[in-house]
Amino acid sequence: TFRDERAGGGRAHSTAIYYLLKAGEVSRCHRVDAAEVWHWYAGAPLMLGLRDGDGPVSEHTLGNDISGGARPQIIVPAGIWQMARSLGAFTLAGCTVAPGFEFSGFEMDPVA
């Protein structure tokens, strides 16, 4: 985990974490109040579902098979609902949030 603190306090410039999803585990539908970049590091591809408001979910594959349509990083704009699941035994990903992640800016979807 990394947190790029601001001199004098306040919200960090950015934060970064590793995130491991095993087969059958999901990152439940949520949104944050800052831009988030998902990075693929190892394992199976990951399916990242994105939804703007009550609109339809668009699915994106995070992985290293670029010629097959996967992308090694996916940007999620602030306020977009997101959910993720591994497409195999496990996926090791990373998430970078800027400005930095704060639990006060995190919201779980109450209906999903």
C-alpha atoms as a PDB file:
ATOM      1  CA  THR A   1       0.000   0.000   0.000  1.00  0.00           C
ATOM      2  CA  PHE A   2       1.163   3.503  -0.815  1.00  0.00           C
ATOM      3  CA  ARG A   3      -0.185   6.889   0.206  1.00  0.00           C
ATOM      4  CA  ASP A   4       1.291  10.078  -1.317  1.00  0.00           C
ATOM      5  CA  GLU A   5       0.578  12.503   1.531  1.00  0.00           C
ATOM      6  CA  ARG A   6       0.258  16.245   1.034  1.00  0.00           C
ATOM      7  CA  ALA A   7       2.634  18.530   2.903  1.00  0.00           C
ATOM      8  CA  GLY A   8       0.574  20.221   5.587  1.00  0.00           C
ATOM      9  CA  GLY A   9      -2.115  17.520   5.644  1.00  0.00           C
ATOM     10  CA  GLY A  10      -5.362  17.138   3.752  1.00  0.00           C
ATOM     11  CA  ARG A  11      -6.326  14.462   1.283  1.00  0.00           C
ATOM     12  CA  ALA A  12      -3.411  12.510  -0.177  1.00  0.00           C
ATOM     13  CA  HIS A  13      -2.362  13.171  -3.771  1.00  0.00           C
ATOM     14  CA  SER A  14      -2.876   9.465  -4.544  1.00  0.00           C
ATOM     15  CA  THR A  15      -3.082   5.998  -3.027  1.00  0.00           C
ATOM     16  CA  ALA A  16      -2.186   2.577  -4.436  1.00  0.00           C
ATOM     17  CA  ILE A  17      -2.986  -0.962  -3.302  1.00  0.00           C
ATOM     18  CA  TYR A  18      -2.544  -4.550  -4.463  1.00  0.00           C
ATOM     19  CA  TYR A  19      -5.846  -6.417  -4.734  1.00  0.00           C
ATOM     20  CA  LEU A  20      -6.096 -10.226  -4.913  1.00  0.00           C
ATOM     21  CA  LEU A  21      -9.335 -11.811  -6.110  1.00  0.00           C
ATOM     22  CA  LYS A  22      -9.579 -15.613  -5.917  1.00  0.00           C
ATOM     23  CA  ALA A  23     -11.965 -17.783  -7.946  1.00  0.00           C
ATOM     24  CA  GLY A  24     -15.529 -17.190  -6.784  1.00  0.00           C
ATOM     25  CA  GLU A  25     -14.733 -13.924  -4.991  1.00  0.00           C
ATOM     26  CA  VAL A  26     -16.127 -10.624  -6.227  1.00  0.00           C
ATOM     27  CA  SER A  27     -15.522  -6.971  -5.607  1.00  0.00           C
ATOM     28  CA  ARG A  28     -19.101  -5.887  -4.897  1.00  0.00           C
ATOM     29  CA  CYS A  29     -20.613  -2.962  -6.758  1.00  0.00           C
ATOM     30  CA  HIS A  30     -19.245   0.297  -5.365  1.00  0.00           C
ATOM     31  CA  ARG A  31     -18.024   3.724  -6.395  1.00  0.00           C
ATOM     32  CA  VAL A  32     -15.458   6.217  -5.182  1.00  0.00           C
ATOM     33  CA  ASP A  33     -15.308   9.982  -5.472  1.00  0.00           C
ATOM     34  CA  ALA A  34     -11.992  10.049  -7.369  1.00  0.00           C
ATOM     35  CA  ALA A  35     -10.537   8.568 -10.550  1.00  0.00           C
ATOM     36  CA  GLU A  36      -9.302   5.002 -10.124  1.00  0.00           C
ATOM     37  CA  VAL A  37      -6.891   3.080 -12.341  1.00  0.00           C
ATOM     38  CA  TRP A  38      -6.968  -0.729 -12.217  1.00  0.00           C
ATOM     39  CA  HIS A  39      -3.666  -2.452 -13.139  1.00  0.00           C
ATOM     40  CA  TRP A  40      -3.264  -6.145 -14.020  1.00  0.00           C
ATOM     41  CA  TYR A  41      -0.216  -7.849 -12.478  1.00  0.00           C
ATOM     42  CA  ALA A  42      -0.615 -11.643 -12.471  1.00  0.00           C
ATOM     43  CA  GLY A  43      -2.955 -14.589 -12.773  1.00  0.00           C
ATOM     44  CA  ALA A  44      -6.116 -14.811 -14.822  1.00  0.00           C
ATOM     45  CA  PRO A  45      -7.798 -11.879 -16.518  1.00  0.00           C
ATOM     46  CA  LEU A  46     -10.321  -9.932 -14.468  1.00  0.00           C
ATOM     47  CA  MET A  47     -13.774  -8.832 -15.627  1.00  0.00           C
ATOM     48  CA  LEU A  48     -14.451  -5.243 -14.573  1.00  0.00           C
ATOM     49  CA  GLY A  49     -18.064  -4.121 -14.873  1.00  0.00           C
ATOM     50  CA  LEU A  50     -18.713  -0.371 -15.053  1.00  0.00           C
ATOM     51  CA  ARG A  51     -22.046   1.452 -14.799  1.00  0.00           C
ATOM     52  CA  ASP A  52     -22.863   5.146 -14.995  1.00  0.00           C
ATOM     53  CA  GLY A  53     -25.852   5.852 -12.746  1.00  0.00           C
ATOM     54  CA  ASP A  54     -28.726   3.479 -13.523  1.00  0.00           C
ATOM     55  CA  GLY A  55     -27.423   2.741 -17.036  1.00  0.00           C
ATOM     56  CA  PRO A  56     -26.327  -0.623 -18.387  1.00  0.00           C
ATOM     57  CA  VAL A  57     -23.161  -2.357 -17.207  1.00  0.00           C
ATOM     58  CA  SER A  58     -20.267  -2.319 -19.679  1.00  0.00           C
ATOM     59  CA  GLU A  59     -17.779  -5.165 -19.220  1.00  0.00           C
ATOM     60  CA  HIS A  60     -14.027  -4.696 -19.669  1.00  0.00           C
ATOM     61  CA  THR A  61     -11.300  -7.337 -19.458  1.00  0.00           C
ATOM     62  CA  LEU A  62      -8.242  -6.455 -17.390  1.00  0.00           C
ATOM     63  CA  GLY A  63      -5.305  -8.639 -18.408  1.00  0.00           C
ATOM     64  CA  ASN A  64      -2.293  -9.067 -20.641  1.00  0.00           C
ATOM     65  CA  ASP A  65      -3.900 -10.552 -23.791  1.00  0.00           C
ATOM     66  CA  ILE A  66      -3.978  -7.237 -25.622  1.00  0.00           C
ATOM     67  CA  SER A  67      -4.524  -8.861 -29.041  1.00  0.00           C
ATOM     68  CA  GLY A  68      -7.536 -10.659 -27.527  1.00  0.00           C
ATOM     69  CA  GLY A  69      -9.102  -7.412 -26.321  1.00  0.00           C
ATOM     70  CA  ALA A  70      -7.790  -7.256 -22.758  1.00  0.00           C
ATOM     71  CA  ARG A  71      -6.131  -4.143 -21.386  1.00  0.00           C
ATOM     72  CA  PRO A  72      -3.375  -4.063 -18.744  1.00  0.00           C
ATOM     73  CA  GLN A  73      -4.959  -0.986 -17.166  1.00  0.00           C
ATOM     74  CA  ILE A  74      -8.493   0.383 -17.066  1.00  0.00           C
ATOM     75  CA  ILE A  75      -9.469   3.853 -15.902  1.00  0.00           C
ATOM     76  CA  VAL A  76     -12.659   4.259 -13.876  1.00  0.00           C
ATOM     77  CA  PRO A  77     -13.780   7.903 -13.708  1.00  0.00           C
ATOM     78  CA  ALA A  78     -14.934   9.308 -10.360  1.00  0.00           C
ATOM     79  CA  GLY A  79     -18.492   8.364  -9.411  1.00  0.00           C
ATOM     80  CA  ILE A  80     -18.812   5.370 -11.773  1.00  0.00           C
ATOM     81  CA  TRP A  81     -20.171   2.162 -10.244  1.00  0.00           C
ATOM     82  CA  GLN A  82     -17.710  -0.717 -10.528  1.00  0.00           C
ATOM     83  CA  MET A  83     -17.611  -4.424  -9.751  1.00  0.00           C
ATOM     84  CA  ALA A  84     -14.965  -7.065 -10.487  1.00  0.00           C
ATOM     85  CA  ARG A  85     -14.386 -10.827 -10.574  1.00  0.00           C
ATOM     86  CA  SER A  86     -11.495 -13.044 -11.573  1.00  0.00           C
ATOM     87  CA  LEU A  87     -11.974 -15.131 -14.710  1.00  0.00           C
ATOM     88  CA  GLY A  88      -9.753 -17.922 -13.359  1.00  0.00           C
ATOM     89  CA  ALA A  89      -8.133 -19.284 -10.204  1.00  0.00           C
ATOM     90  CA  PHE A  90      -6.980 -15.821  -9.093  1.00  0.00           C
ATOM     91  CA  THR A  91      -6.133 -12.331 -10.302  1.00  0.00           C
ATOM     92  CA  LEU A  92      -3.576 -10.027  -8.727  1.00  0.00           C
ATOM     93  CA  ALA A  93      -4.452  -6.451  -9.627  1.00  0.00           C
ATOM     94  CA  GLY A  94      -3.618  -3.022  -8.319  1.00  0.00           C
ATOM     95  CA  CYS A  95      -5.766   0.050  -7.827  1.00  0.00           C
ATOM     96  CA  THR A  96      -4.431   3.596  -7.892  1.00  0.00           C
ATOM     97  CA  VAL A  97      -6.787   6.384  -6.798  1.00  0.00           C
ATOM     98  CA  ALA A  98      -6.164  10.106  -7.313  1.00  0.00           C
ATOM     99  CA  PRO A  99      -6.776  12.143  -5.306  1.00  0.00           C
ATOM    100  CA  GLY A 100      -6.136   9.524  -2.644  1.00  0.00           C
ATOM    101  CA  PHE A 101      -8.744   7.006  -1.503  1.00  0.00           C
ATOM    102  CA  GLU A 102     -10.778   8.001   1.553  1.00  0.00           C
ATOM    103  CA  PHE A 103     -13.467   5.810   3.102  1.00  0.00           C
ATOM    104  CA  SER A 104     -15.673   8.909   3.327  1.00  0.00           C
ATOM    105  CA  GLY A 105     -15.695   8.946  -0.506  1.00  0.00           C
ATOM    106  CA  PHE A 106     -16.541   5.214  -0.834  1.00  0.00           C
ATOM    107  CA  GLU A 107     -20.119   4.017  -1.396  1.00  0.00           C
ATOM    108  CA  MET A 108     -21.486   0.471  -1.751  1.00  0.00           C
ATOM    109  CA  ASP A 109     -24.430   0.028  -4.125  1.00  0.00           C
ATOM    110  CA  PRO A 110     -27.389  -0.682  -1.805  1.00  0.00           C
ATOM    111  CA  VAL A 111     -29.256  -2.733  -4.437  1.00  0.00           C
ATOM    112  CA  ALA A 112     -26.484  -4.776  -6.062  1.00  0.00           C
END
